[in-house]
C-alpha atoms as a PDB file:
ATOM      1  CA  MET A   1      -0.064  -0.228  -0.224  1.00  0.00           C
ATOM      2  CA  ARG A   2       1.700   3.422  -1.508  1.00  0.00           C
ATOM      3  CA  THR A   3      -0.382   6.137  -1.630  1.00  0.00           C
ATOM      4  CA  HIS A   4       0.582  10.063  -2.125  1.00  0.00           C
ATOM      5  CA  SER A   5      -0.896  13.280  -2.387  1.00  0.00           C
ATOM      6  CA  ARG A   6       0.124  16.997  -2.983  1.00  0.00           C
ATOM      7  CA  ASP A   7      -2.109  19.923  -2.914  1.00  0.00           C
ATOM      8  CA  PRO A   8      -3.766  20.320  -6.808  1.00  0.00           C
ATOM      9  CA  GLN A   9      -2.882  22.996  -9.233  1.00  0.00           C
ATOM     10  CA  PRO A  10      -5.353  25.293 -10.571  1.00  0.00           C
ATOM     11  CA  LEU A  11      -5.973  23.724 -14.086  1.00  0.00           C
ATOM     12  CA  GLY A  12      -7.045  27.024 -15.614  1.00  0.00           C
ATOM     13  CA  GLY A  13      -9.165  30.036 -14.725  1.00  0.00           C
ATOM     14  CA  THR A  14     -10.505  33.425 -16.284  1.00  0.00           C
ATOM     15  CA  GLY A  15      -7.178  34.704 -17.159  1.00  0.00           C
ATOM     16  CA  THR A  16      -7.213  31.532 -20.171  1.00  0.00           C
ATOM     17  CA  VAL A  17     -10.403  32.335 -21.049  1.00  0.00           C
ATOM     18  CA  ASP A  18      -9.868  36.359 -21.425  1.00  0.00           C
ATOM     19  CA  ARG A  19      -6.700  35.583 -23.608  1.00  0.00           C
ATOM     20  CA  LEU A  20      -8.871  33.590 -25.910  1.00  0.00           C
ATOM     21  CA  ALA A  21     -11.471  36.131 -26.225  1.00  0.00           C
ATOM     22  CA  ARG A  22      -8.691  38.812 -26.970  1.00  0.00           C
ATOM     23  CA  ILE A  23      -7.830  36.557 -29.614  1.00  0.00           C
ATOM     24  CA  LEU A  24     -10.841  35.918 -31.392  1.00  0.00           C
ATOM     25  CA  ALA A  25     -11.805  39.869 -31.083  1.00  0.00           C
ATOM     26  CA  ALA A  26      -8.692  40.437 -33.105  1.00  0.00           C
ATOM     27  CA  ARG A  27      -9.231  38.065 -35.886  1.00  0.00           C
ATOM     28  CA  ASN A  28     -13.145  38.792 -35.981  1.00  0.00           C
ATOM     29  CA  ILE A  29     -14.287  35.580 -34.810  1.00  0.00           C
ATOM     30  CA  ASP A  30     -17.426  35.324 -33.074  1.00  0.00           C
ATOM     31  CA  PRO A  31     -16.710  33.959 -29.791  1.00  0.00           C
ATOM     32  CA  ALA A  32     -20.444  32.540 -29.627  1.00  0.00           C
ATOM     33  CA  ALA A  33     -18.926  30.428 -32.978  1.00  0.00           C
ATOM     34  CA  VAL A  34     -16.553  28.585 -30.667  1.00  0.00           C
ATOM     35  CA  ALA A  35     -17.909  28.832 -27.229  1.00  0.00           C
ATOM     36  CA  ASP A  36     -18.497  25.241 -27.160  1.00  0.00           C
ATOM     37  CA  LEU A  37     -14.856  24.228 -27.694  1.00  0.00           C
ATOM     38  CA  VAL A  38     -13.904  26.199 -24.284  1.00  0.00           C
ATOM     39  CA  ASP A  39     -14.375  23.959 -21.216  1.00  0.00           C
ATOM     40  CA  GLU A  40     -14.558  25.744 -18.094  1.00  0.00           C
ATOM     41  CA  PRO A  41     -12.329  24.308 -15.776  1.00  0.00           C
ATOM     42  CA  GLU A  42     -13.828  21.335 -13.387  1.00  0.00           C
ATOM     43  CA  PRO A  43     -14.155  22.312  -9.697  1.00  0.00           C
ATOM     44  CA  TYR A  44     -11.374  20.617  -7.981  1.00  0.00           C
ATOM     45  CA  SER A  45     -11.172  20.953  -4.351  1.00  0.00           C
ATOM     46  CA  PRO A  46      -8.164  19.845  -1.887  1.00  0.00           C
ATOM     47  CA  LEU A  47     -10.126  17.377  -0.657  1.00  0.00           C
ATOM     48  CA  ASP A  48     -10.979  15.803  -4.262  1.00  0.00           C
ATOM     49  CA  ALA A  49      -7.039  15.542  -4.550  1.00  0.00           C
ATOM     50  CA  LEU A  50      -6.626  14.061  -0.925  1.00  0.00           C
ATOM     51  CA  LEU A  51      -9.736  11.307  -1.803  1.00  0.00           C
ATOM     52  CA  ALA A  52      -7.950  10.579  -5.493  1.00  0.00           C
ATOM     53  CA  GLY A  53      -4.917   9.422  -3.686  1.00  0.00           C
ATOM     54  CA  MET A  54      -6.283   7.482  -1.017  1.00  0.00           C
ATOM     55  CA  PRO A  55      -6.758   3.751  -1.362  1.00  0.00           C
ATOM     56  CA  PRO A  56     -10.796   3.311  -1.709  1.00  0.00           C
ATOM     57  CA  ARG A  57     -11.186   1.816   1.485  1.00  0.00           C
ATOM     58  CA  TYR A  58     -10.131   4.560   3.591  1.00  0.00           C
ATOM     59  CA  ARG A  59     -11.957   7.589   1.477  1.00  0.00           C
ATOM     60  CA  ALA A  60     -14.536   7.693   3.801  1.00  0.00           C
ATOM     61  CA  ALA A  61     -12.325   7.495   6.643  1.00  0.00           C
ATOM     62  CA  VAL A  62     -13.421   9.064   9.941  1.00  0.00           C
ATOM     63  CA  ALA A  63     -11.157   9.913  12.906  1.00  0.00           C
ATOM     64  CA  ASP A  64     -12.933   9.959  16.053  1.00  0.00           C
ATOM     65  CA  HIS A  65     -10.721   8.749  18.846  1.00  0.00           C
ATOM     66  CA  PRO A  66      -9.739  11.780  21.055  1.00  0.00           C
ATOM     67  CA  GLN A  67      -6.092  11.423  20.916  1.00  0.00           C
ATOM     68  CA  VAL A  68      -6.387  11.275  17.154  1.00  0.00           C
ATOM     69  CA  LEU A  69      -8.624  14.740  17.379  1.00  0.00           C
ATOM     70  CA  VAL A  70      -5.815  16.415  19.872  1.00  0.00           C
ATOM     71  CA  TRP A  71      -3.137  15.446  17.147  1.00  0.00           C
ATOM     72  CA  VAL A  72      -5.246  16.845  14.212  1.00  0.00           C
ATOM     73  CA  ARG A  73      -5.970  19.905  16.173  1.00  0.00           C
ATOM     74  CA  ASP A  74      -1.934  20.619  17.162  1.00  0.00           C
ATOM     75  CA  VAL A  75      -0.484  19.864  13.569  1.00  0.00           C
ATOM     76  CA  ALA A  76      -3.319  22.316  12.279  1.00  0.00           C
ATOM     77  CA  GLU A  77      -2.654  25.163  14.816  1.00  0.00           C
ATOM     78  CA  GLY A  78       1.236  24.358  13.680  1.00  0.00           C
ATOM     79  CA  ALA A  79       0.495  25.088  10.015  1.00  0.00           C
ATOM     80  CA  VAL A  80       2.099  28.069   8.332  1.00  0.00           C
ATOM     81  CA  ALA A  81       1.515  29.915   5.226  1.00  0.00           C
ATOM     82  CA  PRO A  82       4.564  30.094   2.911  1.00  0.00           C
ATOM     83  CA  SER A  83       3.519  33.420   1.798  1.00  0.00           C
ATOM     84  CA  ARG A  84       0.786  36.233   2.846  1.00  0.00           C
ATOM     85  CA  GLY A  85      -2.836  35.248   1.322  1.00  0.00           C
ATOM     86  CA  ALA A  86      -1.591  31.739   0.778  1.00  0.00           C
ATOM     87  CA  ARG A  87      -3.117  28.401   2.403  1.00  0.00           C
ATOM     88  CA  ARG A  88      -1.661  27.236   5.278  1.00  0.00           C
ATOM     89  CA  GLN A  89       0.610  24.181   4.762  1.00  0.00           C
ATOM     90  CA  VAL A  90       2.140  21.345   7.155  1.00  0.00           C
ATOM     91  CA  THR A  91       5.797  21.637   7.825  1.00  0.00           C
ATOM     92  CA  THR A  92       6.511  20.299  11.230  1.00  0.00           C
ATOM     93  CA  GLY A  93       4.507  19.360  14.076  1.00  0.00           C
ATOM     94  CA  PRO A  94       4.010  16.116  16.507  1.00  0.00           C
ATOM     95  CA  SER A  95       3.363  12.561  16.050  1.00  0.00           C
ATOM     96  CA  LEU A  96       1.243   9.662  17.048  1.00  0.00           C
ATOM     97  CA  LEU A  97       2.357   5.576  17.291  1.00  0.00           C
ATOM     98  CA  MET A  98      -0.777   4.068  17.349  1.00  0.00           C
ATOM     99  CA  ALA A  99      -0.812   0.501  19.051  1.00  0.00           C
ATOM    100  CA  GLY A 100      -3.355  -2.443  19.296  1.00  0.00           C
ATOM    101  CA  VAL A 101      -4.517  -5.853  17.770  1.00  0.00           C
ATOM    102  CA  VAL A 102      -4.867  -6.579  14.196  1.00  0.00           C
ATOM    103  CA  GLY A 103      -8.198  -4.806  12.848  1.00  0.00           C
ATOM    104  CA  ALA A 104      -8.355  -2.094  16.010  1.00  0.00           C
ATOM    105  CA  GLY A 105      -9.318   0.620  13.740  1.00  0.00           C
ATOM    106  CA  LYS A 106      -5.542   2.188  13.820  1.00  0.00           C
ATOM    107  CA  THR A 107      -5.292   2.492   9.549  1.00  0.00           C
ATOM    108  CA  HIS A 108      -8.793   3.907  10.019  1.00  0.00           C
ATOM    109  CA  GLN A 109      -7.990   6.728  11.969  1.00  0.00           C
ATOM    110  CA  ALA A 110      -4.512   7.666  10.727  1.00  0.00           C
ATOM    111  CA  TYR A 111      -6.261   8.050   7.079  1.00  0.00           C
ATOM    112  CA  GLY A 112      -9.357   9.955   8.846  1.00  0.00           C
ATOM    113  CA  ALA A 113      -6.741  12.414  10.747  1.00  0.00           C
ATOM    114  CA  VAL A 114      -5.175  13.318   7.335  1.00  0.00           C
ATOM    115  CA  ARG A 115      -8.823  13.719   5.985  1.00  0.00           C
ATOM    116  CA  ARG A 116      -9.596  15.677   8.500  1.00  0.00           C
ATOM    117  CA  LEU A 117      -6.591  18.129   8.351  1.00  0.00           C
ATOM    118  CA  VAL A 118      -7.634  18.850   4.605  1.00  0.00           C
ATOM    119  CA  GLN A 119     -11.269  19.441   5.834  1.00  0.00           C
ATOM    120  CA  SER A 120      -9.601  21.981   8.629  1.00  0.00           C
ATOM    121  CA  GLY A 121      -8.112  24.131   5.375  1.00  0.00           C
ATOM    122  CA  VAL A 122      -4.739  23.017   6.139  1.00  0.00           C
ATOM    123  CA  GLY A 123      -2.801  21.588   3.144  1.00  0.00           C
ATOM    124  CA  VAL A 124      -0.509  19.051   2.980  1.00  0.00           C
ATOM    125  CA  ARG A 125       2.007  16.729   1.026  1.00  0.00           C
ATOM    126  CA  TRP A 126       1.634  13.580   2.513  1.00  0.00           C
ATOM    127  CA  ARG A 127       2.734   9.680   1.747  1.00  0.00           C
ATOM    128  CA  ALA A 128       1.029   6.515   3.515  1.00  0.00           C
ATOM    129  CA  THR A 129       2.863   3.404   3.029  1.00  0.00           C
ATOM    130  CA  THR A 130       3.100  -0.019   4.868  1.00  0.00           C
ATOM    131  CA  ALA A 131       6.281  -0.745   6.470  1.00  0.00           C
ATOM    132  CA  ALA A 132       6.691  -4.176   4.170  1.00  0.00           C
ATOM    133  CA  ASP A 133       6.360  -1.979   1.161  1.00  0.00           C
ATOM    134  CA  LEU A 134       8.404   1.011   2.340  1.00  0.00           C
ATOM    135  CA  TYR A 135      11.433  -1.878   2.716  1.00  0.00           C
ATOM    136  CA  ALA A 136      10.660  -3.192  -0.851  1.00  0.00           C
ATOM    137  CA  ASP A 137      11.143   0.277  -1.982  1.00  0.00           C
ATOM    138  CA  LEU A 138      14.502   1.078  -0.335  1.00  0.00           C
ATOM    139  CA  ARG A 139      16.216  -2.388  -0.806  1.00  0.00           C
ATOM    140  CA  PRO A 140      19.134  -1.688  -2.693  1.00  0.00           C
ATOM    141  CA  ARG A 141      18.342  -3.637  -6.498  1.00  0.00           C
ATOM    142  CA  PRO A 142      19.343  -2.668  -9.822  1.00  0.00           C
ATOM    143  CA  GLY A 143      18.072   0.395 -11.965  1.00  0.00           C
ATOM    144  CA  ALA A 144      17.068   1.644  -8.408  1.00  0.00           C
ATOM    145  CA  ASP A 145      18.526   4.628  -6.386  1.00  0.00           C
ATOM    146  CA  SER A 146      17.513   3.453  -3.052  1.00  0.00           C
ATOM    147  CA  GLU A 147      19.283   6.421  -1.349  1.00  0.00           C
ATOM    148  CA  ARG A 148      17.160   9.110  -3.221  1.00  0.00           C
ATOM    149  CA  GLU A 149      13.909   7.341  -2.409  1.00  0.00           C
ATOM    150  CA  LEU A 150      14.927   7.235   1.520  1.00  0.00           C
ATOM    151  CA  ALA A 151      15.794  10.992   1.329  1.00  0.00           C
ATOM    152  CA  ALA A 152      12.253  11.687  -0.366  1.00  0.00           C
ATOM    153  CA  VAL A 153      10.169   9.634   2.247  1.00  0.00           C
ATOM    154  CA  SER A 154      12.774  11.267   5.236  1.00  0.00           C
ATOM    155  CA  ARG A 155      11.501  14.615   4.196  1.00  0.00           C
ATOM    156  CA  CYS A 156       7.869  14.254   3.163  1.00  0.00           C
ATOM    157  CA  PRO A 157       5.540  16.724   5.323  1.00  0.00           C
ATOM    158  CA  LEU A 158       3.508  14.159   6.609  1.00  0.00           C
ATOM    159  CA  LEU A 159       4.417  10.330   6.544  1.00  0.00           C
ATOM    160  CA  ILE A 160       1.739   7.238   7.628  1.00  0.00           C
ATOM    161  CA  ILE A 161       4.058   4.183   8.247  1.00  0.00           C
ATOM    162  CA  ASP A 162       1.226   1.264   8.405  1.00  0.00           C
ATOM    163  CA  ASP A 163       2.106  -1.809  10.607  1.00  0.00           C
ATOM    164  CA  LEU A 164       5.487  -1.119  11.854  1.00  0.00           C
ATOM    165  CA  GLY A 165       6.923  -4.116  13.000  1.00  0.00           C
ATOM    166  CA  ALA A 166       5.356  -6.465  10.788  1.00  0.00           C
ATOM    167  CA  ALA A 167       8.501  -7.044   8.465  1.00  0.00           C
ATOM    168  CA  LYS A 168      10.906  -9.616   9.037  1.00  0.00           C
ATOM    169  CA  ALA A 169      13.651  -8.440  11.741  1.00  0.00           C
ATOM    170  CA  SER A 170      17.361  -7.864  10.222  1.00  0.00           C
ATOM    171  CA  GLU A 171      20.635  -5.242  10.805  1.00  0.00           C
ATOM    172  CA  TRP A 172      19.112  -3.995   7.659  1.00  0.00           C
ATOM    173  CA  VAL A 173      16.003  -3.468   8.223  1.00  0.00           C
ATOM    174  CA  GLU A 174      16.892  -1.865  12.007  1.00  0.00           C
ATOM    175  CA  GLU A 175      19.809   0.689  10.255  1.00  0.00           C
ATOM    176  CA  VAL A 176      17.245   1.641   7.021  1.00  0.00           C
ATOM    177  CA  THR A 177      14.322   2.343   9.650  1.00  0.00           C
ATOM    178  CA  TYR A 178      16.925   4.079  12.075  1.00  0.00           C
ATOM    179  CA  ARG A 179      18.227   6.739   9.272  1.00  0.00           C
ATOM    180  CA  LEU A 180      14.321   7.244   8.379  1.00  0.00           C
ATOM    181  CA  ILE A 181      12.909   7.975  11.974  1.00  0.00           C
ATOM    182  CA  ASN A 182      16.201  10.172  13.003  1.00  0.00           C
ATOM    183  CA  ARG A 183      15.606  12.256   9.925  1.00  0.00           C
ATOM    184  CA  ARG A 184      12.075  12.762  10.678  1.00  0.00           C
ATOM    185  CA  TYR A 185      12.708  12.998  14.721  1.00  0.00           C
ATOM    186  CA  ASN A 186      15.323  16.053  13.898  1.00  0.00           C
ATOM    187  CA  HIS A 187      13.482  17.707  11.261  1.00  0.00           C
ATOM    188  CA  MET A 188      10.005  17.282  13.675  1.00  0.00           C
ATOM    189  CA  LEU A 189       7.897  15.812  10.900  1.00  0.00           C
ATOM    190  CA  PRO A 190       4.745  14.845  11.593  1.00  0.00           C
ATOM    191  CA  THR A 191       4.681  11.237  11.403  1.00  0.00           C
ATOM    192  CA  LEU A 192       1.554   8.658  11.609  1.00  0.00           C
ATOM    193  CA  ILE A 193       2.823   5.349  12.666  1.00  0.00           C
ATOM    194  CA  THR A 194       0.897   2.260  13.491  1.00  0.00           C
ATOM    195  CA  THR A 195       1.938  -1.380  14.992  1.00  0.00           C
ATOM    196  CA  ASN A 196       0.593  -4.814  16.533  1.00  0.00           C
ATOM    197  CA  LEU A 197       3.712  -4.614  18.548  1.00  0.00           C
ATOM    198  CA  ALA A 198       4.321  -3.668  22.235  1.00  0.00           C
ATOM    199  CA  ILE A 199       6.825  -1.202  22.896  1.00  0.00           C
ATOM    200  CA  LYS A 200       8.988  -3.886  24.464  1.00  0.00           C
ATOM    201  CA  ASP A 201       8.384  -6.003  20.925  1.00  0.00           C
ATOM    202  CA  LEU A 202       9.091  -3.226  19.253  1.00  0.00           C
ATOM    203  CA  ARG A 203      12.623  -2.627  20.818  1.00  0.00           C
ATOM    204  CA  ALA A 204      13.298  -6.369  20.251  1.00  0.00           C
ATOM    205  CA  HIS A 205      12.734  -6.129  16.343  1.00  0.00           C
ATOM    206  CA  LEU A 206      14.094  -2.643  15.958  1.00  0.00           C
ATOM    207  CA  GLY A 207      16.702  -1.559  18.483  1.00  0.00           C
ATOM    208  CA  ASP A 208      17.023   0.968  20.789  1.00  0.00           C
ATOM    209  CA  ARG A 209      17.777   4.042  18.665  1.00  0.00           C
ATOM    210  CA  VAL A 210      14.821   3.394  16.725  1.00  0.00           C
ATOM    211  CA  THR A 211      12.491   2.917  20.097  1.00  0.00           C
ATOM    212  CA  SER A 212      14.158   6.114  21.995  1.00  0.00           C
ATOM    213  CA  ARG A 213      13.367   8.275  19.132  1.00  0.00           C
ATOM    214  CA  LEU A 214       9.601   7.157  18.761  1.00  0.00           C
ATOM    215  CA  ALA A 215       9.461   7.406  22.923  1.00  0.00           C
ATOM    216  CA  GLN A 216      10.527  10.892  22.285  1.00  0.00           C
ATOM    217  CA  MET A 217       8.828  12.396  18.721  1.00  0.00           C
ATOM    218  CA  THR A 218       5.421  10.461  19.470  1.00  0.00           C
ATOM    219  CA  THR A 219       2.261  10.204  21.345  1.00  0.00           C
ATOM    220  CA  ARG A 220       1.666   6.618  21.980  1.00  0.00           C
ATOM    221  CA  VAL A 221      -2.157   5.751  21.225  1.00  0.00           C
ATOM    222  CA  GLU A 222      -3.356   2.199  23.149  1.00  0.00           C
ATOM    223  CA  PHE A 223      -6.784   0.862  21.118  1.00  0.00           C
ATOM    224  CA  GLU A 224      -9.208  -1.352  22.784  1.00  0.00           C
ATOM    225  CA  PRO A 225      -8.036  -5.059  21.766  1.00  0.00           C
ATOM    226  CA  VAL A 226     -10.749  -5.588  19.479  1.00  0.00           C
ATOM    227  CA  ASP A 227     -10.611  -6.767  16.096  1.00  0.00           C
ATOM    228  CA  ARG A 228     -13.452  -4.645  14.531  1.00  0.00           C
ATOM    229  CA  ARG A 229     -13.361  -6.212  10.968  1.00  0.00           C
ATOM    230  CA  ARG A 230     -14.371  -9.712  12.513  1.00  0.00           C
ATOM    231  CA  HIS A 231     -17.358  -7.432  13.657  1.00  0.00           C
ATOM    232  CA  HIS A 232     -17.978  -6.110  10.124  1.00  0.00           C
ATOM    233  CA  THR A 233     -16.973  -2.454  11.054  1.00  0.00           C
ATOM    234  CA  THR A 234     -14.451  -0.496   9.370  1.00  0.00           C
ATOM    235  CA  ALA A 235     -10.713  -1.386  10.559  1.00  0.00           C
END
């Protein structure tokens, strides 16, 4: 599962239509004769752009966990406008570590949190990946620049890492995870992490360097030990 999203860029506007009208007038062409050839730009909201980049299962996700809502508020309050009159953007902020059994609703809450951020009027460039997919993307292989990919993931303003600790433990996994988490820790970039492991198991799986930084940079959210998928609700 890998998804990317960024704020949409305008695809047209009144300026384009005005320029076309002036060209037609200069050539003595009746604008009405070609009106059908001019398409008005389709409304394209930030929420539309967000939903287009989300997996279909989570496009209607709603964040309602109290600690997740606090995270949304804190990130939104810390968003800044790059210039006067511009839309506020996520640049730095707190992180969450959501822990619980399989199917407890952690992924649902993570996507719902991003959705709620956009609905609050905040712009955000974001990525989402499972830990397994992340390691697959970063593993050195012919024709791939794994260092460039690591840099891109590390500096993304908002990152969702799903199922941290689910991949097979190894020295390489521990080292790559450390490099990623350390960069996000140093730059205070908001990160939403879900895991099925207890913190002591994460330490055994990923090492002290990773878990120490996670302990400082994240608020830990414990989910009730209920598998909602088995109860036919959204997970």
